[in-house]
Amino acid sequence: MKFHHLLRPGDWMVLAAGGVTVASLALAFWFGAPGQRLVIKRGGHLFLETSLNHPRTIDVPGPLGTTRVEIEDKRARVLSDPGPRQLCVHQGWLSRAGQAAICLPNQVSVEIAGRVKSYDSLNY
């Protein structure tokens, strides 16, 4: 069945305005703000908080060995980890506020922080 003949010109305007609103909100909240700082925790305690502006490699000691974190082009990633499944390495580059990679077996977490604390379903 075709329902487009039931819609009046005002209905089309409301649908268009709703579509634009949904698209703009999705872009604003989906992509998030760029990150400003890198926060590295070891065993649940702060190990290092540093800027994303300067390229460097950071070695973080953990119970299984050393986790290597790389900062480059205002983004960060876990370069290597002694954990068996390498899930935090597979996270890839992190660049947006709120993104994180957690190397659970080695008790190391890497998080990108921004100007404003972002919330998700885990910490809301």
PDB file of N, CA and C in Angstrom:
ATOM      1  N   MET A   1       0.836  -1.183   0.000  1.00  0.00           N
ATOM      2  CA  MET A   1       0.000   0.000   0.000  1.00  0.00           C
ATOM      3  C   MET A   1       0.879   1.243   0.000  1.00  0.00           C
ATOM      4  N   LYS A   2       0.437   2.259  -0.667  1.00  0.00           N
ATOM      5  CA  LYS A   2       1.163   3.517  -0.713  1.00  0.00           C
ATOM      6  C   LYS A   2       0.436   4.534   0.158  1.00  0.00           C
ATOM      7  N   PHE A   3       1.192   5.092   1.107  1.00  0.00           N
ATOM      8  CA  PHE A   3       0.611   6.044   2.045  1.00  0.00           C
ATOM      9  C   PHE A   3       1.015   7.475   1.761  1.00  0.00           C
ATOM     10  N   HIS A   4       1.903   7.702   0.793  1.00  0.00           N
ATOM     11  CA  HIS A   4       2.396   9.058   0.563  1.00  0.00           C
ATOM     12  C   HIS A   4       1.289  10.014   0.133  1.00  0.00           C
ATOM     13  N   HIS A   5       0.208   9.502  -0.434  1.00  0.00           N
ATOM     14  CA  HIS A   5      -0.885  10.400  -0.825  1.00  0.00           C
ATOM     15  C   HIS A   5      -1.676  10.902   0.386  1.00  0.00           C
ATOM     16  N   LEU A   6      -1.509  10.260   1.544  1.00  0.00           N
ATOM     17  CA  LEU A   6      -2.201  10.697   2.758  1.00  0.00           C
ATOM     18  C   LEU A   6      -1.464  11.844   3.465  1.00  0.00           C
ATOM     19  N   LEU A   7      -0.198  12.063   3.113  1.00  0.00           N
ATOM     20  CA  LEU A   7       0.593  13.102   3.775  1.00  0.00           C
ATOM     21  C   LEU A   7       0.363  14.455   3.118  1.00  0.00           C
ATOM     22  N   ARG A   8       0.193  15.474   3.931  1.00  0.00           N
ATOM     23  CA  ARG A   8       0.002  16.839   3.445  1.00  0.00           C
ATOM     24  C   ARG A   8       1.357  17.558   3.443  1.00  0.00           C
ATOM     25  N   PRO A   9       1.468  18.725   2.791  1.00  0.00           N
ATOM     26  CA  PRO A   9       2.751  19.444   2.739  1.00  0.00           C
ATOM     27  C   PRO A   9       3.358  19.727   4.116  1.00  0.00           C
ATOM     28  N   GLY A  10       2.552  20.034   5.088  1.00  0.00           N
ATOM     29  CA  GLY A  10       3.060  20.271   6.451  1.00  0.00           C
ATOM     30  C   GLY A  10       3.656  19.014   7.069  1.00  0.00           C
ATOM     31  N   ASP A  11       3.070  17.860   6.749  1.00  0.00           N
ATOM     32  CA  ASP A  11       3.592  16.589   7.254  1.00  0.00           C
ATOM     33  C   ASP A  11       4.998  16.325   6.714  1.00  0.00           C
ATOM     34  N   TRP A  12       5.211  16.638   5.432  1.00  0.00           N
ATOM     35  CA  TRP A  12       6.530  16.461   4.842  1.00  0.00           C
ATOM     36  C   TRP A  12       7.548  17.365   5.526  1.00  0.00           C
ATOM     37  N   MET A  13       7.155  18.579   5.879  1.00  0.00           N
ATOM     38  CA  MET A  13       8.072  19.507   6.558  1.00  0.00           C
ATOM     39  C   MET A  13       8.439  18.995   7.939  1.00  0.00           C
ATOM     40  N   VAL A  14       7.458  18.442   8.661  1.00  0.00           N
ATOM     41  CA  VAL A  14       7.740  17.879   9.989  1.00  0.00           C
ATOM     42  C   VAL A  14       8.680  16.684   9.868  1.00  0.00           C
ATOM     43  N   LEU A  15       8.450  15.815   8.889  1.00  0.00           N
ATOM     44  CA  LEU A  15       9.346  14.666   8.678  1.00  0.00           C
ATOM     45  C   LEU A  15      10.760  15.114   8.326  1.00  0.00           C
ATOM     46  N   ALA A  16      10.877  16.127   7.475  1.00  0.00           N
ATOM     47  CA  ALA A  16      12.199  16.632   7.098  1.00  0.00           C
ATOM     48  C   ALA A  16      12.909  17.249   8.296  1.00  0.00           C
ATOM     49  N   ALA A  17      12.192  18.043   9.094  1.00  0.00           N
ATOM     50  CA  ALA A  17      12.796  18.656  10.281  1.00  0.00           C
ATOM     51  C   ALA A  17      13.231  17.584  11.279  1.00  0.00           C
ATOM     52  N   GLY A  18      12.430  16.550  11.448  1.00  0.00           N
ATOM     53  CA  GLY A  18      12.796  15.446  12.338  1.00  0.00           C
ATOM     54  C   GLY A  18      14.027  14.714  11.852  1.00  0.00           C
ATOM     55  N   GLY A  19      14.122  14.496  10.540  1.00  0.00           N
ATOM     56  CA  GLY A  19      15.293  13.825   9.977  1.00  0.00           C
ATOM     57  C   GLY A  19      16.570  14.617  10.178  1.00  0.00           C
ATOM     58  N   VAL A  20      16.488  15.934   9.974  1.00  0.00           N
ATOM     59  CA  VAL A  20      17.657  16.797  10.180  1.00  0.00           C
ATOM     60  C   VAL A  20      18.062  16.799  11.649  1.00  0.00           C
ATOM     61  N   THR A  21      17.090  16.845  12.545  1.00  0.00           N
ATOM     62  CA  THR A  21      17.387  16.838  13.982  1.00  0.00           C
ATOM     63  C   THR A  21      18.067  15.539  14.398  1.00  0.00           C
ATOM     64  N   VAL A  22      17.536  14.423  13.955  1.00  0.00           N
ATOM     65  CA  VAL A  22      18.118  13.122  14.299  1.00  0.00           C
ATOM     66  C   VAL A  22      19.541  13.009  13.743  1.00  0.00           C
ATOM     67  N   ALA A  23      19.751  13.438  12.510  1.00  0.00           N
ATOM     68  CA  ALA A  23      21.081  13.358  11.906  1.00  0.00           C
ATOM     69  C   ALA A  23      22.084  14.228  12.656  1.00  0.00           C
ATOM     70  N   SER A  24      21.700  15.447  13.015  1.00  0.00           N
ATOM     71  CA  SER A  24      22.638  16.325  13.718  1.00  0.00           C
ATOM     72  C   SER A  24      22.948  15.808  15.117  1.00  0.00           C
ATOM     73  N   LEU A  25      21.959  15.277  15.825  1.00  0.00           N
ATOM     74  CA  LEU A  25      22.219  14.711  17.153  1.00  0.00           C
ATOM     75  C   LEU A  25      23.094  13.459  17.061  1.00  0.00           C
ATOM     76  N   ALA A  26      22.865  12.649  16.041  1.00  0.00           N
ATOM     77  CA  ALA A  26      23.684  11.443  15.868  1.00  0.00           C
ATOM     78  C   ALA A  26      25.141  11.821  15.613  1.00  0.00           C
ATOM     79  N   LEU A  27      25.379  12.825  14.782  1.00  0.00           N
ATOM     80  CA  LEU A  27      26.751  13.259  14.516  1.00  0.00           C
ATOM     81  C   LEU A  27      27.405  13.834  15.763  1.00  0.00           C
ATOM     82  N   ALA A  28      26.653  14.616  16.523  1.00  0.00           N
ATOM     83  CA  ALA A  28      27.210  15.259  17.719  1.00  0.00           C
ATOM     84  C   ALA A  28      27.557  14.245  18.805  1.00  0.00           C
ATOM     85  N   PHE A  29      26.700  13.249  19.017  1.00  0.00           N
ATOM     86  CA  PHE A  29      26.912  12.318  20.123  1.00  0.00           C
ATOM     87  C   PHE A  29      27.635  11.050  19.706  1.00  0.00           C
ATOM     88  N   TRP A  30      27.560  10.655  18.459  1.00  0.00           N
ATOM     89  CA  TRP A  30      28.201   9.425  18.015  1.00  0.00           C
ATOM     90  C   TRP A  30      29.711   9.588  17.943  1.00  0.00           C
ATOM     91  N   PHE A  31      30.151  10.669  17.345  1.00  0.00           N
ATOM     92  CA  PHE A  31      31.578  10.844  17.141  1.00  0.00           C
ATOM     93  C   PHE A  31      32.261  11.443  18.359  1.00  0.00           C
ATOM     94  N   GLY A  32      31.583  12.218  19.152  1.00  0.00           N
ATOM     95  CA  GLY A  32      32.142  12.767  20.373  1.00  0.00           C
ATOM     96  C   GLY A  32      33.231  13.799  20.134  1.00  0.00           C
ATOM     97  N   ALA A  33      33.731  14.320  21.217  1.00  0.00           N
ATOM     98  CA  ALA A  33      34.756  15.359  21.168  1.00  0.00           C
ATOM     99  C   ALA A  33      36.142  14.733  21.054  1.00  0.00           C
ATOM    100  N   PRO A  34      37.071  15.427  20.428  1.00  0.00           N
ATOM    101  CA  PRO A  34      38.434  14.904  20.366  1.00  0.00           C
ATOM    102  C   PRO A  34      39.067  14.873  21.758  1.00  0.00           C
ATOM    103  N   GLY A  35      39.959  13.932  21.969  1.00  0.00           N
ATOM    104  CA  GLY A  35      40.612  13.796  23.260  1.00  0.00           C
ATOM    105  C   GLY A  35      41.696  14.834  23.476  1.00  0.00           C
ATOM    106  N   GLN A  36      41.964  15.138  24.734  1.00  0.00           N
ATOM    107  CA  GLN A  36      42.987  16.105  25.118  1.00  0.00           C
ATOM    108  C   GLN A  36      44.161  15.448  25.843  1.00  0.00           C
ATOM    109  N   ARG A  37      43.848  14.429  26.672  1.00  0.00           N
ATOM    110  CA  ARG A  37      44.866  13.807  27.520  1.00  0.00           C
ATOM    111  C   ARG A  37      44.746  12.288  27.464  1.00  0.00           C
ATOM    112  N   LEU A  38      45.841  11.641  27.799  1.00  0.00           N
ATOM    113  CA  LEU A  38      45.869  10.190  27.918  1.00  0.00           C
ATOM    114  C   LEU A  38      46.004   9.840  29.396  1.00  0.00           C
ATOM    115  N   VAL A  39      45.132   8.965  29.872  1.00  0.00           N
ATOM    116  CA  VAL A  39      45.159   8.525  31.266  1.00  0.00           C
ATOM    117  C   VAL A  39      45.468   7.034  31.270  1.00  0.00           C
ATOM    118  N   ILE A  40      46.573   6.662  31.904  1.00  0.00           N
ATOM    119  CA  ILE A  40      46.979   5.260  31.999  1.00  0.00           C
ATOM    120  C   ILE A  40      46.872   4.851  33.464  1.00  0.00           C
ATOM    121  N   LYS A  41      46.153   3.749  33.695  1.00  0.00           N
ATOM    122  CA  LYS A  41      46.019   3.214  35.057  1.00  0.00           C
ATOM    123  C   LYS A  41      46.626   1.824  35.103  1.00  0.00           C
ATOM    124  N   ARG A  42      47.237   1.523  36.244  1.00  0.00           N
ATOM    125  CA  ARG A  42      47.843   0.212  36.474  1.00  0.00           C
ATOM    126  C   ARG A  42      47.298  -0.307  37.796  1.00  0.00           C
ATOM    127  N   GLY A  43      46.657  -1.441  37.766  1.00  0.00           N
ATOM    128  CA  GLY A  43      46.089  -2.013  38.978  1.00  0.00           C
ATOM    129  C   GLY A  43      45.000  -1.132  39.575  1.00  0.00           C
ATOM    130  N   GLY A  44      44.305  -0.357  38.759  1.00  0.00           N
ATOM    131  CA  GLY A  44      43.231   0.511  39.237  1.00  0.00           C
ATOM    132  C   GLY A  44      43.701   1.855  39.756  1.00  0.00           C
ATOM    133  N   HIS A  45      45.001   2.099  39.800  1.00  0.00           N
ATOM    134  CA  HIS A  45      45.556   3.362  40.297  1.00  0.00           C
ATOM    135  C   HIS A  45      46.206   4.123  39.145  1.00  0.00           C
ATOM    136  N   LEU A  46      46.181   5.422  39.239  1.00  0.00           N
ATOM    137  CA  LEU A  46      46.743   6.267  38.195  1.00  0.00           C
ATOM    138  C   LEU A  46      48.247   6.025  38.066  1.00  0.00           C
ATOM    139  N   PHE A  47      48.671   5.694  36.856  1.00  0.00           N
ATOM    140  CA  PHE A  47      50.080   5.502  36.563  1.00  0.00           C
ATOM    141  C   PHE A  47      50.659   6.754  35.910  1.00  0.00           C
ATOM    142  N   LEU A  48      49.919   7.311  34.924  1.00  0.00           N
ATOM    143  CA  LEU A  48      50.404   8.474  34.194  1.00  0.00           C
ATOM    144  C   LEU A  48      49.238   9.180  33.531  1.00  0.00           C
ATOM    145  N   GLU A  49      49.271  10.502  33.571  1.00  0.00           N
ATOM    146  CA  GLU A  49      48.347  11.323  32.804  1.00  0.00           C
ATOM    147  C   GLU A  49      49.197  12.294  31.997  1.00  0.00           C
ATOM    148  N   THR A  50      49.048  12.274  30.676  1.00  0.00           N
ATOM    149  CA  THR A  50      49.912  13.067  29.821  1.00  0.00           C
ATOM    150  C   THR A  50      49.126  13.615  28.629  1.00  0.00           C
ATOM    151  N   SER A  51      49.699  14.597  27.977  1.00  0.00           N
ATOM    152  CA  SER A  51      49.083  15.221  26.811  1.00  0.00           C
ATOM    153  C   SER A  51      49.220  14.318  25.588  1.00  0.00           C
ATOM    154  N   LEU A  52      48.298  14.467  24.658  1.00  0.00           N
ATOM    155  CA  LEU A  52      48.358  13.735  23.394  1.00  0.00           C
ATOM    156  C   LEU A  52      49.110  14.511  22.318  1.00  0.00           C
ATOM    157  N   ASN A  53      49.658  15.672  22.674  1.00  0.00           N
ATOM    158  CA  ASN A  53      50.298  16.547  21.695  1.00  0.00           C
ATOM    159  C   ASN A  53      51.713  16.139  21.309  1.00  0.00           C
ATOM    160  N   HIS A  54      52.377  15.338  22.130  1.00  0.00           N
ATOM    161  CA  HIS A  54      53.780  14.999  21.875  1.00  0.00           C
ATOM    162  C   HIS A  54      53.922  13.490  21.641  1.00  0.00           C
ATOM    163  N   PRO A  55      54.469  13.083  20.499  1.00  0.00           N
ATOM    164  CA  PRO A  55      54.648  11.653  20.229  1.00  0.00           C
ATOM    165  C   PRO A  55      55.651  11.026  21.200  1.00  0.00           C
ATOM    166  N   ARG A  56      55.292   9.862  21.686  1.00  0.00           N
ATOM    167  CA  ARG A  56      56.181   9.140  22.578  1.00  0.00           C
ATOM    168  C   ARG A  56      55.685   7.719  22.782  1.00  0.00           C
ATOM    169  N   THR A  57      56.532   6.894  23.356  1.00  0.00           N
ATOM    170  CA  THR A  57      56.172   5.525  23.707  1.00  0.00           C
ATOM    171  C   THR A  57      56.356   5.372  25.207  1.00  0.00           C
ATOM    172  N   ILE A  58      55.368   4.759  25.853  1.00  0.00           N
ATOM    173  CA  ILE A  58      55.371   4.618  27.308  1.00  0.00           C
ATOM    174  C   ILE A  58      55.327   3.134  27.647  1.00  0.00           C
ATOM    175  N   ASP A  59      56.226   2.690  28.510  1.00  0.00           N
ATOM    176  CA  ASP A  59      56.235   1.321  28.999  1.00  0.00           C
ATOM    177  C   ASP A  59      55.579   1.284  30.368  1.00  0.00           C
ATOM    178  N   VAL A  60      54.546   0.443  30.505  1.00  0.00           N
ATOM    179  CA  VAL A  60      53.796   0.326  31.756  1.00  0.00           C
ATOM    180  C   VAL A  60      54.011  -1.084  32.303  1.00  0.00           C
ATOM    181  N   PRO A  61      54.695  -1.214  33.448  1.00  0.00           N
ATOM    182  CA  PRO A  61      54.906  -2.547  34.010  1.00  0.00           C
ATOM    183  C   PRO A  61      53.628  -3.075  34.651  1.00  0.00           C
ATOM    184  N   GLY A  62      53.384  -4.368  34.465  1.00  0.00           N
ATOM    185  CA  GLY A  62      52.231  -5.024  35.068  1.00  0.00           C
ATOM    186  C   GLY A  62      52.623  -6.392  35.572  1.00  0.00           C
ATOM    187  N   PRO A  63      51.681  -7.139  36.138  1.00  0.00           N
ATOM    188  CA  PRO A  63      51.991  -8.461  36.692  1.00  0.00           C
ATOM    189  C   PRO A  63      52.514  -9.469  35.667  1.00  0.00           C
ATOM    190  N   LEU A  64      52.081  -9.355  34.404  1.00  0.00           N
ATOM    191  CA  LEU A  64      52.519 -10.304  33.380  1.00  0.00           C
ATOM    192  C   LEU A  64      53.744  -9.833  32.606  1.00  0.00           C
ATOM    193  N   GLY A  65      54.046  -8.543  32.699  1.00  0.00           N
ATOM    194  CA  GLY A  65      55.152  -7.985  31.933  1.00  0.00           C
ATOM    195  C   GLY A  65      54.865  -6.528  31.590  1.00  0.00           C
ATOM    196  N   THR A  66      55.443  -6.062  30.510  1.00  0.00           N
ATOM    197  CA  THR A  66      55.346  -4.658  30.135  1.00  0.00           C
ATOM    198  C   THR A  66      54.323  -4.444  29.025  1.00  0.00           C
ATOM    199  N   THR A  67      53.427  -3.495  29.245  1.00  0.00           N
ATOM    200  CA  THR A  67      52.487  -3.052  28.214  1.00  0.00           C
ATOM    201  C   THR A  67      53.063  -1.783  27.615  1.00  0.00           C
ATOM    202  N   ARG A  68      53.165  -1.743  26.306  1.00  0.00           N
ATOM    203  CA  ARG A  68      53.742  -0.590  25.609  1.00  0.00           C
ATOM    204  C   ARG A  68      52.616   0.213  24.962  1.00  0.00           C
ATOM    205  N   VAL A  69      52.563   1.520  25.282  1.00  0.00           N
ATOM    206  CA  VAL A  69      51.544   2.434  24.770  1.00  0.00           C
ATOM    207  C   VAL A  69      52.236   3.465  23.883  1.00  0.00           C
ATOM    208  N   GLU A  70      51.644   3.733  22.726  1.00  0.00           N
ATOM    209  CA  GLU A  70      52.215   4.683  21.775  1.00  0.00           C
ATOM    210  C   GLU A  70      51.278   5.878  21.601  1.00  0.00           C
ATOM    211  N   ILE A  71      51.854   7.082  21.606  1.00  0.00           N
ATOM    212  CA  ILE A  71      51.121   8.316  21.333  1.00  0.00           C
ATOM    213  C   ILE A  71      51.677   8.904  20.046  1.00  0.00           C
ATOM    214  N   GLU A  72      50.768   9.242  19.116  1.00  0.00           N
ATOM    215  CA  GLU A  72      51.180   9.811  17.837  1.00  0.00           C
ATOM    216  C   GLU A  72      49.987  10.522  17.202  1.00  0.00           C
ATOM    217  N   ASP A  73      50.206  11.713  16.659  1.00  0.00           N
ATOM    218  CA  ASP A  73      49.164  12.480  15.953  1.00  0.00           C
ATOM    219  C   ASP A  73      47.902  12.685  16.789  1.00  0.00           C
ATOM    220  N   LYS A  74      48.056  13.045  18.046  1.00  0.00           N
ATOM    221  CA  LYS A  74      46.949  13.309  18.975  1.00  0.00           C
ATOM    222  C   LYS A  74      46.019  12.114  19.150  1.00  0.00           C
ATOM    223  N   ARG A  75      46.595  10.916  19.107  1.00  0.00           N
ATOM    224  CA  ARG A  75      45.861   9.685  19.356  1.00  0.00           C
ATOM    225  C   ARG A  75      46.800   8.700  20.037  1.00  0.00           C
ATOM    226  N   ALA A  76      46.261   7.639  20.600  1.00  0.00           N
ATOM    227  CA  ALA A  76      47.067   6.670  21.343  1.00  0.00           C
ATOM    228  C   ALA A  76      46.569   5.256  21.053  1.00  0.00           C
ATOM    229  N   ARG A  77      47.458   4.296  21.258  1.00  0.00           N
ATOM    230  CA  ARG A  77      47.092   2.890  21.110  1.00  0.00           C
ATOM    231  C   ARG A  77      47.989   2.042  21.989  1.00  0.00           C
ATOM    232  N   VAL A  78      47.526   0.833  22.272  1.00  0.00           N
ATOM    233  CA  VAL A  78      48.365  -0.150  22.953  1.00  0.00           C
ATOM    234  C   VAL A  78      49.143  -0.861  21.857  1.00  0.00           C
ATOM    235  N   LEU A  79      50.434  -0.645  21.859  1.00  0.00           N
ATOM    236  CA  LEU A  79      51.300  -1.198  20.818  1.00  0.00           C
ATOM    237  C   LEU A  79      51.577  -2.680  21.042  1.00  0.00           C
ATOM    238  N   SER A  80      51.829  -3.044  22.308  1.00  0.00           N
ATOM    239  CA  SER A  80      52.066  -4.452  22.629  1.00  0.00           C
ATOM    240  C   SER A  80      51.676  -4.707  24.079  1.00  0.00           C
ATOM    241  N   ASP A  81      51.304  -5.962  24.341  1.00  0.00           N
ATOM    242  CA  ASP A  81      50.867  -6.352  25.678  1.00  0.00           C
ATOM    243  C   ASP A  81      51.183  -7.831  25.868  1.00  0.00           C
ATOM    244  N   PRO A  82      51.599  -8.236  27.057  1.00  0.00           N
ATOM    245  CA  PRO A  82      51.931  -9.648  27.275  1.00  0.00           C
ATOM    246  C   PRO A  82      50.713 -10.546  27.481  1.00  0.00           C
ATOM    247  N   GLY A  83      49.511  -9.975  27.481  1.00  0.00           N
ATOM    248  CA  GLY A  83      48.297 -10.775  27.677  1.00  0.00           C
ATOM    249  C   GLY A  83      48.100 -11.793  26.562  1.00  0.00           C
ATOM    250  N   PRO A  84      47.405 -12.888  26.848  1.00  0.00           N
ATOM    251  CA  PRO A  84      47.274 -13.971  25.865  1.00  0.00           C
ATOM    252  C   PRO A  84      46.357 -13.649  24.684  1.00  0.00           C
ATOM    253  N   ARG A  85      45.309 -12.852  24.854  1.00  0.00           N
ATOM    254  CA  ARG A  85      44.346 -12.661  23.772  1.00  0.00           C
ATOM    255  C   ARG A  85      44.552 -11.365  22.981  1.00  0.00           C
ATOM    256  N   GLN A  86      45.353 -10.457  23.484  1.00  0.00           N
ATOM    257  CA  GLN A  86      45.700  -9.219  22.774  1.00  0.00           C
ATOM    258  C   GLN A  86      44.490  -8.348  22.432  1.00  0.00           C
ATOM    259  N   LEU A  87      43.443  -8.385  23.252  1.00  0.00           N
ATOM    260  CA  LEU A  87      42.238  -7.611  22.957  1.00  0.00           C
ATOM    261  C   LEU A  87      42.500  -6.108  22.996  1.00  0.00           C
ATOM    262  N   CYS A  88      43.321  -5.655  23.930  1.00  0.00           N
ATOM    263  CA  CYS A  88      43.587  -4.215  24.012  1.00  0.00           C
ATOM    264  C   CYS A  88      44.432  -3.738  22.837  1.00  0.00           C
ATOM    265  N   VAL A  89      45.275  -4.603  22.293  1.00  0.00           N
ATOM    266  CA  VAL A  89      46.064  -4.249  21.118  1.00  0.00           C
ATOM    267  C   VAL A  89      45.141  -4.111  19.904  1.00  0.00           C
ATOM    268  N   HIS A  90      44.148  -4.989  19.815  1.00  0.00           N
ATOM    269  CA  HIS A  90      43.218  -4.971  18.689  1.00  0.00           C
ATOM    270  C   HIS A  90      42.239  -3.793  18.742  1.00  0.00           C
ATOM    271  N   GLN A  91      42.164  -3.082  19.845  1.00  0.00           N
ATOM    272  CA  GLN A  91      41.311  -1.885  19.921  1.00  0.00           C
ATOM    273  C   GLN A  91      41.763  -0.833  18.911  1.00  0.00           C
ATOM    274  N   GLY A  92      43.039  -0.805  18.597  1.00  0.00           N
ATOM    275  CA  GLY A  92      43.559   0.149  17.623  1.00  0.00           C
ATOM    276  C   GLY A  92      43.739   1.529  18.212  1.00  0.00           C
ATOM    277  N   TRP A  93      43.728   2.510  17.319  1.00  0.00           N
ATOM    278  CA  TRP A  93      43.972   3.898  17.728  1.00  0.00           C
ATOM    279  C   TRP A  93      42.767   4.469  18.457  1.00  0.00           C
ATOM    280  N   LEU A  94      43.026   5.165  19.548  1.00  0.00           N
ATOM    281  CA  LEU A  94      42.000   5.855  20.328  1.00  0.00           C
ATOM    282  C   LEU A  94      42.229   7.355  20.173  1.00  0.00           C
ATOM    283  N   SER A  95      41.200   8.090  19.814  1.00  0.00           N
ATOM    284  CA  SER A  95      41.387   9.528  19.614  1.00  0.00           C
ATOM    285  C   SER A  95      40.269  10.374  20.199  1.00  0.00           C
ATOM    286  N   ARG A  96      39.133   9.798  20.516  1.00  0.00           N
ATOM    287  CA  ARG A  96      37.977  10.543  21.011  1.00  0.00           C
ATOM    288  C   ARG A  96      37.861  10.398  22.519  1.00  0.00           C
ATOM    289  N   ALA A  97      37.379  11.448  23.158  1.00  0.00           N
ATOM    290  CA  ALA A  97      37.189  11.433  24.613  1.00  0.00           C
ATOM    291  C   ALA A  97      36.261  10.291  24.996  1.00  0.00           C
ATOM    292  N   GLY A  98      36.652   9.536  25.990  1.00  0.00           N
ATOM    293  CA  GLY A  98      35.844   8.419  26.469  1.00  0.00           C
ATOM    294  C   GLY A  98      36.253   7.071  25.906  1.00  0.00           C
ATOM    295  N   GLN A  99      37.048   7.038  24.845  1.00  0.00           N
ATOM    296  CA  GLN A  99      37.497   5.759  24.300  1.00  0.00           C
ATOM    297  C   GLN A  99      38.546   5.152  25.224  1.00  0.00           C
ATOM    298  N   ALA A 100      38.537   3.818  25.315  1.00  0.00           N
ATOM    299  CA  ALA A 100      39.476   3.153  26.221  1.00  0.00           C
ATOM    300  C   ALA A 100      39.873   1.794  25.671  1.00  0.00           C
ATOM    301  N   ALA A 101      41.036   1.349  26.094  1.00  0.00           N
ATOM    302  CA  ALA A 101      41.515  -0.011  25.834  1.00  0.00           C
ATOM    303  C   ALA A 101      41.952  -0.576  27.179  1.00  0.00           C
ATOM    304  N   ILE A 102      41.460  -1.767  27.498  1.00  0.00           N
ATOM    305  CA  ILE A 102      41.739  -2.364  28.802  1.00  0.00           C
ATOM    306  C   ILE A 102      42.460  -3.684  28.596  1.00  0.00           C
ATOM    307  N   CYS A 103      43.673  -3.757  29.140  1.00  0.00           N
ATOM    308  CA  CYS A 103      44.470  -4.981  29.105  1.00  0.00           C
ATOM    309  C   CYS A 103      44.255  -5.682  30.447  1.00  0.00           C
ATOM    310  N   LEU A 104      43.161  -6.412  30.556  1.00  0.00           N
ATOM    311  CA  LEU A 104      42.732  -6.967  31.833  1.00  0.00           C
ATOM    312  C   LEU A 104      43.727  -7.933  32.460  1.00  0.00           C
ATOM    313  N   PRO A 105      44.301  -8.891  31.717  1.00  0.00           N
ATOM    314  CA  PRO A 105      45.243  -9.807  32.364  1.00  0.00           C
ATOM    315  C   PRO A 105      46.454  -9.093  32.980  1.00  0.00           C
ATOM    316  N   ASN A 106      46.888  -7.998  32.367  1.00  0.00           N
ATOM    317  CA  ASN A 106      48.048  -7.265  32.873  1.00  0.00           C
ATOM    318  C   ASN A 106      47.646  -6.085  33.761  1.00  0.00           C
ATOM    319  N   GLN A 107      46.349  -5.903  33.992  1.00  0.00           N
ATOM    320  CA  GLN A 107      45.807  -4.869  34.879  1.00  0.00           C
ATOM    321  C   GLN A 107      46.212  -3.459  34.452  1.00  0.00           C
ATOM    322  N   VAL A 108      46.172  -3.184  33.145  1.00  0.00           N
ATOM    323  CA  VAL A 108      46.523  -1.871  32.604  1.00  0.00           C
ATOM    324  C   VAL A 108      45.339  -1.362  31.790  1.00  0.00           C
ATOM    325  N   SER A 109      44.988  -0.097  31.985  1.00  0.00           N
ATOM    326  CA  SER A 109      43.942   0.516  31.165  1.00  0.00           C
ATOM    327  C   SER A 109      44.452   1.834  30.595  1.00  0.00           C
ATOM    328  N   VAL A 110      44.016   2.118  29.377  1.00  0.00           N
ATOM    329  CA  VAL A 110      44.400   3.320  28.659  1.00  0.00           C
ATOM    330  C   VAL A 110      43.104   4.014  28.254  1.00  0.00           C
ATOM    331  N   GLU A 111      42.958   5.282  28.636  1.00  0.00           N
ATOM    332  CA  GLU A 111      41.720   6.014  28.334  1.00  0.00           C
ATOM    333  C   GLU A 111      42.048   7.401  27.809  1.00  0.00           C
ATOM    334  N   ILE A 112      41.269   7.847  26.836  1.00  0.00           N
ATOM    335  CA  ILE A 112      41.396   9.199  26.317  1.00  0.00           C
ATOM    336  C   ILE A 112      40.422  10.087  27.089  1.00  0.00           C
ATOM    337  N   ALA A 113      40.934  11.167  27.639  1.00  0.00           N
ATOM    338  CA  ALA A 113      40.102  12.109  28.392  1.00  0.00           C
ATOM    339  C   ALA A 113      39.999  13.412  27.610  1.00  0.00           C
ATOM    340  N   GLY A 114      38.866  14.067  27.740  1.00  0.00           N
ATOM    341  CA  GLY A 114      38.637  15.336  27.064  1.00  0.00           C
ATOM    342  C   GLY A 114      38.392  16.453  28.066  1.00  0.00           C
ATOM    343  N   ARG A 115      37.938  17.578  27.552  1.00  0.00           N
ATOM    344  CA  ARG A 115      37.635  18.705  28.433  1.00  0.00           C
ATOM    345  C   ARG A 115      36.462  18.396  29.346  1.00  0.00           C
ATOM    346  N   VAL A 116      35.496  17.666  28.801  1.00  0.00           N
ATOM    347  CA  VAL A 116      34.291  17.321  29.545  1.00  0.00           C
ATOM    348  C   VAL A 116      34.273  15.812  29.734  1.00  0.00           C
ATOM    349  N   LYS A 117      33.918  15.373  30.921  1.00  0.00           N
ATOM    350  CA  LYS A 117      33.828  13.947  31.200  1.00  0.00           C
ATOM    351  C   LYS A 117      32.657  13.365  30.433  1.00  0.00           C
ATOM    352  N   SER A 118      32.909  12.374  29.584  1.00  0.00           N
ATOM    353  CA  SER A 118      31.823  11.751  28.823  1.00  0.00           C
ATOM    354  C   SER A 118      31.263  10.593  29.638  1.00  0.00           C
ATOM    355  N   TYR A 119      29.992  10.335  29.438  1.00  0.00           N
ATOM    356  CA  TYR A 119      29.307   9.274  30.165  1.00  0.00           C
ATOM    357  C   TYR A 119      28.808   8.229  29.194  1.00  0.00           C
ATOM    358  N   ASP A 120      28.828   7.011  29.626  1.00  0.00           N
ATOM    359  CA  ASP A 120      28.258   5.928  28.858  1.00  0.00           C
ATOM    360  C   ASP A 120      27.414   5.081  29.785  1.00  0.00           C
ATOM    361  N   SER A 121      26.932   3.963  29.305  1.00  0.00           N
ATOM    362  CA  SER A 121      26.026   3.146  30.106  1.00  0.00           C
ATOM    363  C   SER A 121      26.719   2.505  31.304  1.00  0.00           C
ATOM    364  N   LEU A 122      28.060   2.438  31.289  1.00  0.00           N
ATOM    365  CA  LEU A 122      28.772   1.815  32.397  1.00  0.00           C
ATOM    366  C   LEU A 122      29.005   2.763  33.563  1.00  0.00           C
ATOM    367  N   ASN A 123      29.227   4.036  33.289  1.00  0.00           N
ATOM    368  CA  ASN A 123      29.531   4.950  34.396  1.00  0.00           C
ATOM    369  C   ASN A 123      28.474   6.024  34.573  1.00  0.00           C
ATOM    370  N   TYR A 124      27.294   5.833  34.021  1.00  0.00           N
ATOM    371  CA  TYR A 124      26.221   6.813  34.165  1.00  0.00           C
ATOM    372  C   TYR A 124      25.528   6.615  35.470  1.00  0.00           C
TER     373      TYR A 124
END
